[in-house]
Amino acid sequence: MMQLRRLSVSVLLVFIGVIAVVALAPSAEQDNAPEGPPAKTLRDTMWLWLNPPADPDDDYIGIPNVMIAAPPAASTVERIEPVADRGRVVCEITPSDGFDFTASLAAVQNLARQFPSIEGVVVDDMSSVLVKSAGMEAKVLSSLCRALQARPRPLSLLGVVYTMNIDPDSPHYVPNIADYMRFLNVIVLAEWHGANLPQLEESLTRCDELSGGKPVILCLYLHDFGGGRPMPLDLMELQCETARRWLHEGRINGIVFSPSFVRNNRQDAEAVEWIRRWIQRVGDEPL
């Protein structure tokens, strides 16, 4: 009888453990979150990181899709309306104290009722600020995954992962970053330091290994923030042509040009104009 009790307790503990793992893991619905219409041309894969207070500019380097880098609020409606019918929309969400995304996510879900083009949310500076600096735990993203399946419809979860946080040789390395990446539907891979752009190949390979091959949108900066300078045109060409090749090879799912406010900054005017011409030249290439 005592052995039977011990066996029953063991079975119960195993059952509880399985339930806990299932609760933390993304569900099938989360793995199949909306990804938007199939891309037919390179232009279809392009996104603009739209920073407030800049308004969407319909002819700004010919990009159809936007990631709105602003906590959702009533004023966000005015920013979404001009672009909602021309492409895909992802809205940034930000946590309050204690890494609580509830209010920010609720605002996006309310907007999603009005705008079917809203297909997901993005957590900016996820690996660098929230995880590395502030100590956010992976269970926060687990809860966010479940909340994203709530009404009015499922939304995708995107998170910005910096190359320095996945590089074991970097002082900014996050050893358990894979625990966070498993909850993302799409990884926005960003290189903060222009000088490290020649190592993009190694960074993408490492990202794929850590995430298990999840979809990647490559962030292309129009300013070298890590170097504190305008982006040199040779490095601009390197990152753009690398992204172009990877899109044709199917290694990445998209590119996002960031940030949009550089168009109002004279020191970045040369890089912006280079990007405009590059998109005009390659944007209609079929995939």
C-alpha atoms as a PDB file:
ATOM      1  CA  MET A   1       0.000   0.000   0.000  1.00  0.00           C
ATOM      2  CA  MET A   2       2.824   2.383   0.923  1.00  0.00           C
ATOM      3  CA  GLN A   3       4.543   1.603  -2.390  1.00  0.00           C
ATOM      4  CA  LEU A   4       1.304   2.324  -4.224  1.00  0.00           C
ATOM      5  CA  ARG A   5       1.039   5.690  -2.493  1.00  0.00           C
ATOM      6  CA  ARG A   6       4.641   6.534  -3.406  1.00  0.00           C
ATOM      7  CA  LEU A   7       3.938   5.548  -7.012  1.00  0.00           C
ATOM      8  CA  SER A   8       0.806   7.711  -7.069  1.00  0.00           C
ATOM      9  CA  VAL A   9       2.733  10.688  -5.735  1.00  0.00           C
ATOM     10  CA  SER A  10       5.458  10.170  -8.346  1.00  0.00           C
ATOM     11  CA  VAL A  11       2.916  10.006 -11.138  1.00  0.00           C
ATOM     12  CA  LEU A  12       1.250  13.161  -9.817  1.00  0.00           C
ATOM     13  CA  LEU A  13       4.580  15.043  -9.712  1.00  0.00           C
ATOM     14  CA  VAL A  14       5.375  14.021 -13.275  1.00  0.00           C
ATOM     15  CA  PHE A  15       1.907  15.149 -14.376  1.00  0.00           C
ATOM     16  CA  ILE A  16       2.359  18.527 -12.680  1.00  0.00           C
ATOM     17  CA  GLY A  17       5.747  18.902 -14.353  1.00  0.00           C
ATOM     18  CA  VAL A  18       4.267  18.225 -17.781  1.00  0.00           C
ATOM     19  CA  ILE A  19       1.508  20.747 -17.173  1.00  0.00           C
ATOM     20  CA  ALA A  20       4.088  23.368 -16.167  1.00  0.00           C
ATOM     21  CA  VAL A  21       6.133  22.804 -19.329  1.00  0.00           C
ATOM     22  CA  VAL A  22       3.049  23.024 -21.526  1.00  0.00           C
ATOM     23  CA  ALA A  23       1.953  26.227 -19.801  1.00  0.00           C
ATOM     24  CA  LEU A  24       5.299  27.885 -20.522  1.00  0.00           C
ATOM     25  CA  ALA A  25       5.675  26.676 -24.088  1.00  0.00           C
ATOM     26  CA  PRO A  26       4.056  28.509 -27.007  1.00  0.00           C
ATOM     27  CA  SER A  27       0.881  26.778 -28.145  1.00  0.00           C
ATOM     28  CA  ALA A  28       0.185  25.607 -31.681  1.00  0.00           C
ATOM     29  CA  GLU A  29      -1.912  28.728 -32.214  1.00  0.00           C
ATOM     30  CA  GLN A  30       1.009  30.912 -31.143  1.00  0.00           C
ATOM     31  CA  ASP A  31       3.368  29.088 -33.485  1.00  0.00           C
ATOM     32  CA  ASN A  32       0.886  29.750 -36.292  1.00  0.00           C
ATOM     33  CA  ALA A  33       0.396  33.445 -35.582  1.00  0.00           C
ATOM     34  CA  PRO A  34      -0.492  35.623 -38.586  1.00  0.00           C
ATOM     35  CA  GLU A  35       2.389  36.421 -40.914  1.00  0.00           C
ATOM     36  CA  GLY A  36       0.651  38.613 -43.487  1.00  0.00           C
ATOM     37  CA  PRO A  37       0.209  38.020 -47.211  1.00  0.00           C
ATOM     38  CA  PRO A  38       2.976  36.198 -49.122  1.00  0.00           C
ATOM     39  CA  ALA A  39       5.685  38.546 -50.391  1.00  0.00           C
ATOM     40  CA  LYS A  40       5.928  38.756 -54.181  1.00  0.00           C
ATOM     41  CA  THR A  41       8.687  41.360 -54.474  1.00  0.00           C
ATOM     42  CA  LEU A  42      11.532  42.643 -52.319  1.00  0.00           C
ATOM     43  CA  ARG A  43       9.473  45.742 -51.585  1.00  0.00           C
ATOM     44  CA  ASP A  44       6.790  43.583 -49.958  1.00  0.00           C
ATOM     45  CA  THR A  45       9.340  42.468 -47.340  1.00  0.00           C
ATOM     46  CA  MET A  46      10.365  46.011 -46.370  1.00  0.00           C
ATOM     47  CA  TRP A  47       9.309  47.807 -43.189  1.00  0.00           C
ATOM     48  CA  LEU A  48       9.834  51.340 -41.890  1.00  0.00           C
ATOM     49  CA  TRP A  49      10.422  51.880 -38.189  1.00  0.00           C
ATOM     50  CA  LEU A  50       8.186  54.891 -37.675  1.00  0.00           C
ATOM     51  CA  ASN A  51       9.198  57.104 -34.759  1.00  0.00           C
ATOM     52  CA  PRO A  52       6.920  59.730 -33.250  1.00  0.00           C
ATOM     53  CA  PRO A  53       6.312  62.562 -33.751  1.00  0.00           C
ATOM     54  CA  ALA A  54       7.048  61.901 -37.440  1.00  0.00           C
ATOM     55  CA  ASP A  55       3.953  61.259 -39.504  1.00  0.00           C
ATOM     56  CA  PRO A  56       3.793  58.543 -42.166  1.00  0.00           C
ATOM     57  CA  ASP A  57       5.007  59.899 -45.481  1.00  0.00           C
ATOM     58  CA  ASP A  58       3.453  58.048 -48.411  1.00  0.00           C
ATOM     59  CA  ASP A  59       6.414  58.548 -50.708  1.00  0.00           C
ATOM     60  CA  TYR A  60       9.136  58.101 -48.103  1.00  0.00           C
ATOM     61  CA  ILE A  61      11.529  55.725 -49.892  1.00  0.00           C
ATOM     62  CA  GLY A  62       8.616  53.631 -51.112  1.00  0.00           C
ATOM     63  CA  ILE A  63       8.146  51.333 -48.087  1.00  0.00           C
ATOM     64  CA  PRO A  64       4.663  49.802 -47.658  1.00  0.00           C
ATOM     65  CA  ASN A  65       4.834  48.358 -44.126  1.00  0.00           C
ATOM     66  CA  VAL A  66       5.421  50.121 -40.790  1.00  0.00           C
ATOM     67  CA  MET A  67       6.448  49.315 -37.258  1.00  0.00           C
ATOM     68  CA  ILE A  68       5.085  52.116 -35.108  1.00  0.00           C
ATOM     69  CA  ALA A  69       7.568  52.825 -32.328  1.00  0.00           C
ATOM     70  CA  ALA A  70       5.227  54.456 -29.859  1.00  0.00           C
ATOM     71  CA  PRO A  71       3.218  53.258 -26.898  1.00  0.00           C
ATOM     72  CA  PRO A  72      -0.316  52.853 -28.288  1.00  0.00           C
ATOM     73  CA  ALA A  73      -2.629  55.698 -27.373  1.00  0.00           C
ATOM     74  CA  ALA A  74      -5.514  57.599 -28.871  1.00  0.00           C
ATOM     75  CA  SER A  75      -3.062  59.675 -30.897  1.00  0.00           C
ATOM     76  CA  THR A  76      -1.719  56.498 -32.495  1.00  0.00           C
ATOM     77  CA  VAL A  77      -4.907  56.200 -34.543  1.00  0.00           C
ATOM     78  CA  GLU A  78      -3.898  59.273 -36.529  1.00  0.00           C
ATOM     79  CA  ARG A  79      -0.530  57.663 -37.287  1.00  0.00           C
ATOM     80  CA  ILE A  80      -2.059  54.353 -38.360  1.00  0.00           C
ATOM     81  CA  GLU A  81      -4.881  55.647 -40.552  1.00  0.00           C
ATOM     82  CA  PRO A  82      -2.665  56.934 -43.418  1.00  0.00           C
ATOM     83  CA  VAL A  83      -0.798  53.607 -43.696  1.00  0.00           C
ATOM     84  CA  ALA A  84      -3.427  51.075 -42.643  1.00  0.00           C
ATOM     85  CA  ASP A  85      -4.658  50.418 -46.183  1.00  0.00           C
ATOM     86  CA  ARG A  86      -1.301  50.382 -47.957  1.00  0.00           C
ATOM     87  CA  GLY A  87       0.562  47.700 -46.016  1.00  0.00           C
ATOM     88  CA  ARG A  88       1.121  45.752 -42.838  1.00  0.00           C
ATOM     89  CA  VAL A  89       1.300  47.318 -39.362  1.00  0.00           C
ATOM     90  CA  VAL A  90       3.069  46.249 -36.163  1.00  0.00           C
ATOM     91  CA  CYS A  91       2.774  48.342 -32.992  1.00  0.00           C
ATOM     92  CA  GLU A  92       5.353  48.650 -30.237  1.00  0.00           C
ATOM     93  CA  ILE A  93       4.255  47.698 -26.742  1.00  0.00           C
ATOM     94  CA  THR A  94       6.039  48.830 -23.596  1.00  0.00           C
ATOM     95  CA  PRO A  95       5.841  47.484 -20.040  1.00  0.00           C
ATOM     96  CA  SER A  96       4.891  49.386 -16.933  1.00  0.00           C
ATOM     97  CA  ASP A  97       6.449  48.693 -13.537  1.00  0.00           C
ATOM     98  CA  GLY A  98       7.196  45.030 -13.009  1.00  0.00           C
ATOM     99  CA  PHE A  99       7.306  44.270 -16.726  1.00  0.00           C
ATOM    100  CA  ASP A 100       3.514  44.435 -17.003  1.00  0.00           C
ATOM    101  CA  PHE A 101       2.457  44.721 -20.666  1.00  0.00           C
ATOM    102  CA  THR A 102      -1.277  44.575 -19.881  1.00  0.00           C
ATOM    103  CA  ALA A 103      -2.218  48.199 -20.539  1.00  0.00           C
ATOM    104  CA  SER A 104      -0.017  48.593 -23.615  1.00  0.00           C
ATOM    105  CA  LEU A 105      -1.264  45.354 -25.155  1.00  0.00           C
ATOM    106  CA  ALA A 106      -4.905  46.187 -24.446  1.00  0.00           C
ATOM    107  CA  ALA A 107      -4.477  49.442 -26.363  1.00  0.00           C
ATOM    108  CA  VAL A 108      -3.124  47.585 -29.401  1.00  0.00           C
ATOM    109  CA  GLN A 109      -5.890  44.991 -29.239  1.00  0.00           C
ATOM    110  CA  ASN A 110      -8.443  47.794 -29.236  1.00  0.00           C
ATOM    111  CA  LEU A 111      -6.763  49.330 -32.296  1.00  0.00           C
ATOM    112  CA  ALA A 112      -6.762  45.913 -33.980  1.00  0.00           C
ATOM    113  CA  ARG A 113     -10.554  46.019 -33.950  1.00  0.00           C
ATOM    114  CA  GLN A 114     -10.419  49.096 -36.189  1.00  0.00           C
ATOM    115  CA  PHE A 115      -7.468  48.174 -38.369  1.00  0.00           C
ATOM    116  CA  PRO A 116      -7.233  44.631 -39.796  1.00  0.00           C
ATOM    117  CA  SER A 117      -3.741  45.480 -41.097  1.00  0.00           C
ATOM    118  CA  ILE A 118      -2.391  45.366 -37.513  1.00  0.00           C
ATOM    119  CA  GLU A 119      -0.883  41.903 -37.332  1.00  0.00           C
ATOM    120  CA  GLY A 120       1.448  41.996 -34.362  1.00  0.00           C
ATOM    121  CA  VAL A 121       3.288  43.765 -31.561  1.00  0.00           C
ATOM    122  CA  VAL A 122       7.008  44.389 -31.175  1.00  0.00           C
ATOM    123  CA  VAL A 123       9.047  44.640 -27.965  1.00  0.00           C
ATOM    124  CA  ASP A 124      11.850  47.100 -28.716  1.00  0.00           C
ATOM    125  CA  ASP A 125      15.273  46.780 -27.043  1.00  0.00           C
ATOM    126  CA  MET A 126      14.127  43.437 -25.668  1.00  0.00           C
ATOM    127  CA  SER A 127      17.475  41.685 -25.301  1.00  0.00           C
ATOM    128  CA  SER A 128      19.570  44.752 -24.459  1.00  0.00           C
ATOM    129  CA  VAL A 129      17.452  46.867 -22.115  1.00  0.00           C
ATOM    130  CA  LEU A 130      14.661  44.665 -20.768  1.00  0.00           C
ATOM    131  CA  VAL A 131      16.624  41.424 -20.399  1.00  0.00           C
ATOM    132  CA  LYS A 132      20.298  42.385 -20.015  1.00  0.00           C
ATOM    133  CA  SER A 133      19.931  45.673 -18.129  1.00  0.00           C
ATOM    134  CA  ALA A 134      16.584  45.371 -16.326  1.00  0.00           C
ATOM    135  CA  GLY A 135      16.522  41.613 -15.692  1.00  0.00           C
ATOM    136  CA  MET A 136      13.175  40.713 -17.247  1.00  0.00           C
ATOM    137  CA  GLU A 137      12.467  36.973 -16.901  1.00  0.00           C
ATOM    138  CA  ALA A 138      11.395  34.712 -19.744  1.00  0.00           C
ATOM    139  CA  LYS A 139       8.086  33.973 -18.033  1.00  0.00           C
ATOM    140  CA  VAL A 140       7.008  37.530 -18.880  1.00  0.00           C
ATOM    141  CA  LEU A 141       7.077  36.632 -22.586  1.00  0.00           C
ATOM    142  CA  SER A 142       5.278  33.373 -21.819  1.00  0.00           C
ATOM    143  CA  SER A 143       2.385  35.339 -20.305  1.00  0.00           C
ATOM    144  CA  LEU A 144       2.497  37.795 -23.187  1.00  0.00           C
ATOM    145  CA  CYS A 145       2.198  34.901 -25.658  1.00  0.00           C
ATOM    146  CA  ARG A 146      -1.017  33.760 -24.026  1.00  0.00           C
ATOM    147  CA  ALA A 147      -2.427  37.283 -23.845  1.00  0.00           C
ATOM    148  CA  LEU A 148      -1.769  37.809 -27.566  1.00  0.00           C
ATOM    149  CA  GLN A 149      -4.268  35.070 -28.352  1.00  0.00           C
ATOM    150  CA  ALA A 150      -7.081  37.063 -26.717  1.00  0.00           C
ATOM    151  CA  ARG A 151      -9.777  38.997 -28.517  1.00  0.00           C
ATOM    152  CA  PRO A 152     -10.355  40.336 -31.043  1.00  0.00           C
ATOM    153  CA  ARG A 153      -7.886  38.014 -32.872  1.00  0.00           C
ATOM    154  CA  PRO A 154      -4.420  36.508 -32.450  1.00  0.00           C
ATOM    155  CA  LEU A 155      -1.443  38.826 -32.944  1.00  0.00           C
ATOM    156  CA  SER A 156       2.196  37.942 -33.587  1.00  0.00           C
ATOM    157  CA  LEU A 157       4.943  38.677 -31.072  1.00  0.00           C
ATOM    158  CA  LEU A 158       8.121  40.292 -32.394  1.00  0.00           C
ATOM    159  CA  GLY A 159      11.153  41.112 -30.271  1.00  0.00           C
ATOM    160  CA  VAL A 160      14.330  43.060 -30.994  1.00  0.00           C
ATOM    161  CA  VAL A 161      17.446  40.961 -30.374  1.00  0.00           C
ATOM    162  CA  TYR A 162      20.826  42.682 -30.670  1.00  0.00           C
ATOM    163  CA  THR A 163      23.803  40.765 -32.034  1.00  0.00           C
ATOM    164  CA  MET A 164      25.880  41.752 -28.991  1.00  0.00           C
ATOM    165  CA  ASN A 165      23.455  39.897 -26.737  1.00  0.00           C
ATOM    166  CA  ILE A 166      23.868  36.609 -28.626  1.00  0.00           C
ATOM    167  CA  ASP A 167      27.659  36.826 -29.008  1.00  0.00           C
ATOM    168  CA  PRO A 168      29.492  34.798 -26.319  1.00  0.00           C
ATOM    169  CA  ASP A 169      32.574  36.999 -26.780  1.00  0.00           C
ATOM    170  CA  SER A 170      30.675  40.205 -26.040  1.00  0.00           C
ATOM    171  CA  PRO A 171      30.447  41.731 -22.534  1.00  0.00           C
ATOM    172  CA  HIS A 172      26.765  42.226 -23.301  1.00  0.00           C
ATOM    173  CA  TYR A 173      26.116  38.505 -23.884  1.00  0.00           C
ATOM    174  CA  VAL A 174      22.930  37.004 -22.425  1.00  0.00           C
ATOM    175  CA  PRO A 175      23.700  33.314 -21.769  1.00  0.00           C
ATOM    176  CA  ASN A 176      20.045  32.236 -21.600  1.00  0.00           C
ATOM    177  CA  ILE A 177      18.790  34.371 -24.488  1.00  0.00           C
ATOM    178  CA  ALA A 178      17.364  31.252 -26.171  1.00  0.00           C
ATOM    179  CA  ASP A 179      14.852  30.989 -23.316  1.00  0.00           C
ATOM    180  CA  TYR A 180      13.385  34.298 -24.490  1.00  0.00           C
ATOM    181  CA  MET A 181      13.632  33.718 -28.233  1.00  0.00           C
ATOM    182  CA  ARG A 182      11.475  30.591 -27.993  1.00  0.00           C
ATOM    183  CA  PHE A 183       8.427  32.753 -27.238  1.00  0.00           C
ATOM    184  CA  LEU A 184       8.874  35.063 -30.245  1.00  0.00           C
ATOM    185  CA  ASN A 185       7.046  34.505 -33.515  1.00  0.00           C
ATOM    186  CA  VAL A 186       9.528  36.757 -35.336  1.00  0.00           C
ATOM    187  CA  ILE A 187      13.000  37.952 -34.317  1.00  0.00           C
ATOM    188  CA  VAL A 188      14.074  41.475 -35.283  1.00  0.00           C
ATOM    189  CA  LEU A 189      17.853  41.045 -35.464  1.00  0.00           C
ATOM    190  CA  ALA A 190      19.775  44.307 -35.015  1.00  0.00           C
ATOM    191  CA  GLU A 191      23.457  45.264 -35.241  1.00  0.00           C
ATOM    192  CA  TRP A 192      24.032  48.395 -33.148  1.00  0.00           C
ATOM    193  CA  HIS A 193      27.673  48.927 -34.143  1.00  0.00           C
ATOM    194  CA  GLY A 194      28.352  49.725 -37.790  1.00  0.00           C
ATOM    195  CA  ALA A 195      31.904  48.425 -37.469  1.00  0.00           C
ATOM    196  CA  ASN A 196      30.498  44.937 -36.798  1.00  0.00           C
ATOM    197  CA  LEU A 197      28.380  44.769 -39.960  1.00  0.00           C
ATOM    198  CA  PRO A 198      31.002  42.609 -41.751  1.00  0.00           C
ATOM    199  CA  GLN A 199      30.155  39.902 -39.155  1.00  0.00           C
ATOM    200  CA  LEU A 200      26.455  39.765 -40.063  1.00  0.00           C
ATOM    201  CA  GLU A 201      26.821  36.264 -41.499  1.00  0.00           C
ATOM    202  CA  GLU A 202      28.078  34.896 -38.177  1.00  0.00           C
ATOM    203  CA  SER A 203      25.362  36.785 -36.301  1.00  0.00           C
ATOM    204  CA  LEU A 204      22.526  35.380 -38.416  1.00  0.00           C
ATOM    205  CA  THR A 205      23.919  31.851 -38.139  1.00  0.00           C
ATOM    206  CA  ARG A 206      24.145  32.178 -34.352  1.00  0.00           C
ATOM    207  CA  CYS A 207      20.608  33.618 -34.207  1.00  0.00           C
ATOM    208  CA  ASP A 208      19.230  30.693 -36.221  1.00  0.00           C
ATOM    209  CA  GLU A 209      20.976  28.186 -33.963  1.00  0.00           C
ATOM    210  CA  LEU A 210      19.663  29.781 -30.779  1.00  0.00           C
ATOM    211  CA  SER A 211      16.084  30.232 -32.013  1.00  0.00           C
ATOM    212  CA  GLY A 212      15.734  26.971 -33.876  1.00  0.00           C
ATOM    213  CA  GLY A 213      15.354  28.749 -37.207  1.00  0.00           C
ATOM    214  CA  LYS A 214      12.566  31.203 -36.369  1.00  0.00           C
ATOM    215  CA  PRO A 215      11.634  33.906 -38.918  1.00  0.00           C
ATOM    216  CA  VAL A 216      13.984  36.894 -38.901  1.00  0.00           C
ATOM    217  CA  ILE A 217      13.488  40.509 -39.927  1.00  0.00           C
ATOM    218  CA  LEU A 218      16.895  42.160 -40.280  1.00  0.00           C
ATOM    219  CA  CYS A 219      17.165  45.695 -38.894  1.00  0.00           C
ATOM    220  CA  LEU A 220      19.082  48.054 -41.195  1.00  0.00           C
ATOM    221  CA  TYR A 221      20.144  51.231 -39.400  1.00  0.00           C
ATOM    222  CA  LEU A 222      20.442  54.456 -41.338  1.00  0.00           C
ATOM    223  CA  HIS A 223      22.724  55.859 -38.626  1.00  0.00           C
ATOM    224  CA  ASP A 224      25.669  54.191 -36.882  1.00  0.00           C
ATOM    225  CA  PHE A 225      24.491  54.658 -33.306  1.00  0.00           C
ATOM    226  CA  GLY A 226      27.151  52.369 -31.859  1.00  0.00           C
ATOM    227  CA  GLY A 227      29.869  54.356 -33.604  1.00  0.00           C
ATOM    228  CA  GLY A 228      28.265  57.743 -32.941  1.00  0.00           C
ATOM    229  CA  ARG A 229      28.451  58.803 -36.601  1.00  0.00           C
ATOM    230  CA  PRO A 230      26.504  58.886 -39.856  1.00  0.00           C
ATOM    231  CA  MET A 231      26.404  55.445 -41.443  1.00  0.00           C
ATOM    232  CA  PRO A 232      29.271  55.175 -43.961  1.00  0.00           C
ATOM    233  CA  LEU A 233      27.899  54.426 -47.414  1.00  0.00           C
ATOM    234  CA  ASP A 234      30.135  51.402 -47.893  1.00  0.00           C
ATOM    235  CA  LEU A 235      28.623  49.833 -44.770  1.00  0.00           C
ATOM    236  CA  MET A 236      25.142  50.892 -45.866  1.00  0.00           C
ATOM    237  CA  GLU A 237      25.694  49.079 -49.144  1.00  0.00           C
ATOM    238  CA  LEU A 238      27.112  46.048 -47.355  1.00  0.00           C
ATOM    239  CA  GLN A 239      24.109  45.574 -45.056  1.00  0.00           C
ATOM    240  CA  CYS A 240      21.566  46.264 -47.803  1.00  0.00           C
ATOM    241  CA  GLU A 241      23.125  43.932 -50.357  1.00  0.00           C
ATOM    242  CA  THR A 242      23.562  41.235 -47.713  1.00  0.00           C
ATOM    243  CA  ALA A 243      19.891  41.532 -46.805  1.00  0.00           C
ATOM    244  CA  ARG A 244      18.932  41.466 -50.482  1.00  0.00           C
ATOM    245  CA  ARG A 245      20.831  38.217 -51.021  1.00  0.00           C
ATOM    246  CA  TRP A 246      19.362  36.626 -47.905  1.00  0.00           C
ATOM    247  CA  LEU A 247      15.825  37.564 -48.963  1.00  0.00           C
ATOM    248  CA  HIS A 248      16.309  35.861 -52.318  1.00  0.00           C
ATOM    249  CA  GLU A 249      17.804  32.838 -50.567  1.00  0.00           C
ATOM    250  CA  GLY A 250      14.927  32.710 -48.079  1.00  0.00           C
ATOM    251  CA  ARG A 251      17.244  33.083 -45.082  1.00  0.00           C
ATOM    252  CA  ILE A 252      15.340  36.082 -43.703  1.00  0.00           C
ATOM    253  CA  ASN A 253      11.697  37.129 -43.973  1.00  0.00           C
ATOM    254  CA  GLY A 254      12.086  40.876 -44.169  1.00  0.00           C
ATOM    255  CA  ILE A 255      14.089  44.022 -43.469  1.00  0.00           C
ATOM    256  CA  VAL A 256      13.185  47.062 -41.391  1.00  0.00           C
ATOM    257  CA  PHE A 257      14.819  50.437 -41.985  1.00  0.00           C
ATOM    258  CA  SER A 258      15.356  52.289 -38.736  1.00  0.00           C
ATOM    259  CA  PRO A 259      14.790  54.936 -37.693  1.00  0.00           C
ATOM    260  CA  SER A 260      12.534  57.099 -39.799  1.00  0.00           C
ATOM    261  CA  PHE A 261      13.420  60.348 -38.037  1.00  0.00           C
ATOM    262  CA  VAL A 262      16.832  60.477 -39.730  1.00  0.00           C
ATOM    263  CA  ARG A 263      15.146  61.910 -42.797  1.00  0.00           C
ATOM    264  CA  ASN A 264      14.907  65.158 -40.814  1.00  0.00           C
ATOM    265  CA  ASN A 265      18.540  65.021 -39.788  1.00  0.00           C
ATOM    266  CA  ARG A 266      20.995  66.657 -42.200  1.00  0.00           C
ATOM    267  CA  GLN A 267      23.940  64.474 -41.201  1.00  0.00           C
ATOM    268  CA  ASP A 268      22.043  61.361 -42.346  1.00  0.00           C
ATOM    269  CA  ALA A 269      20.627  62.857 -45.539  1.00  0.00           C
ATOM    270  CA  GLU A 270      23.229  61.086 -47.683  1.00  0.00           C
ATOM    271  CA  ALA A 271      22.364  57.666 -46.249  1.00  0.00           C
ATOM    272  CA  VAL A 272      18.634  58.275 -46.660  1.00  0.00           C
ATOM    273  CA  GLU A 273      19.053  59.292 -50.287  1.00  0.00           C
ATOM    274  CA  TRP A 274      21.218  56.230 -50.942  1.00  0.00           C
ATOM    275  CA  ILE A 275      18.483  54.016 -49.492  1.00  0.00           C
ATOM    276  CA  ARG A 276      15.826  55.722 -51.588  1.00  0.00           C
ATOM    277  CA  ARG A 277      17.749  55.050 -54.803  1.00  0.00           C
ATOM    278  CA  TRP A 278      18.531  51.474 -53.747  1.00  0.00           C
ATOM    279  CA  ILE A 279      14.864  50.683 -53.143  1.00  0.00           C
ATOM    280  CA  GLN A 280      13.904  52.208 -56.480  1.00  0.00           C
ATOM    281  CA  ARG A 281      16.468  49.953 -58.149  1.00  0.00           C
ATOM    282  CA  VAL A 282      15.782  46.627 -56.404  1.00  0.00           C
ATOM    283  CA  GLY A 283      12.322  46.988 -54.851  1.00  0.00           C
ATOM    284  CA  ASP A 284      10.422  45.319 -57.692  1.00  0.00           C
ATOM    285  CA  GLU A 285      12.663  42.274 -57.922  1.00  0.00           C
ATOM    286  CA  PRO A 286      10.443  39.163 -57.736  1.00  0.00           C
ATOM    287  CA  LEU A 287      10.944  36.668 -54.937  1.00  0.00           C
END
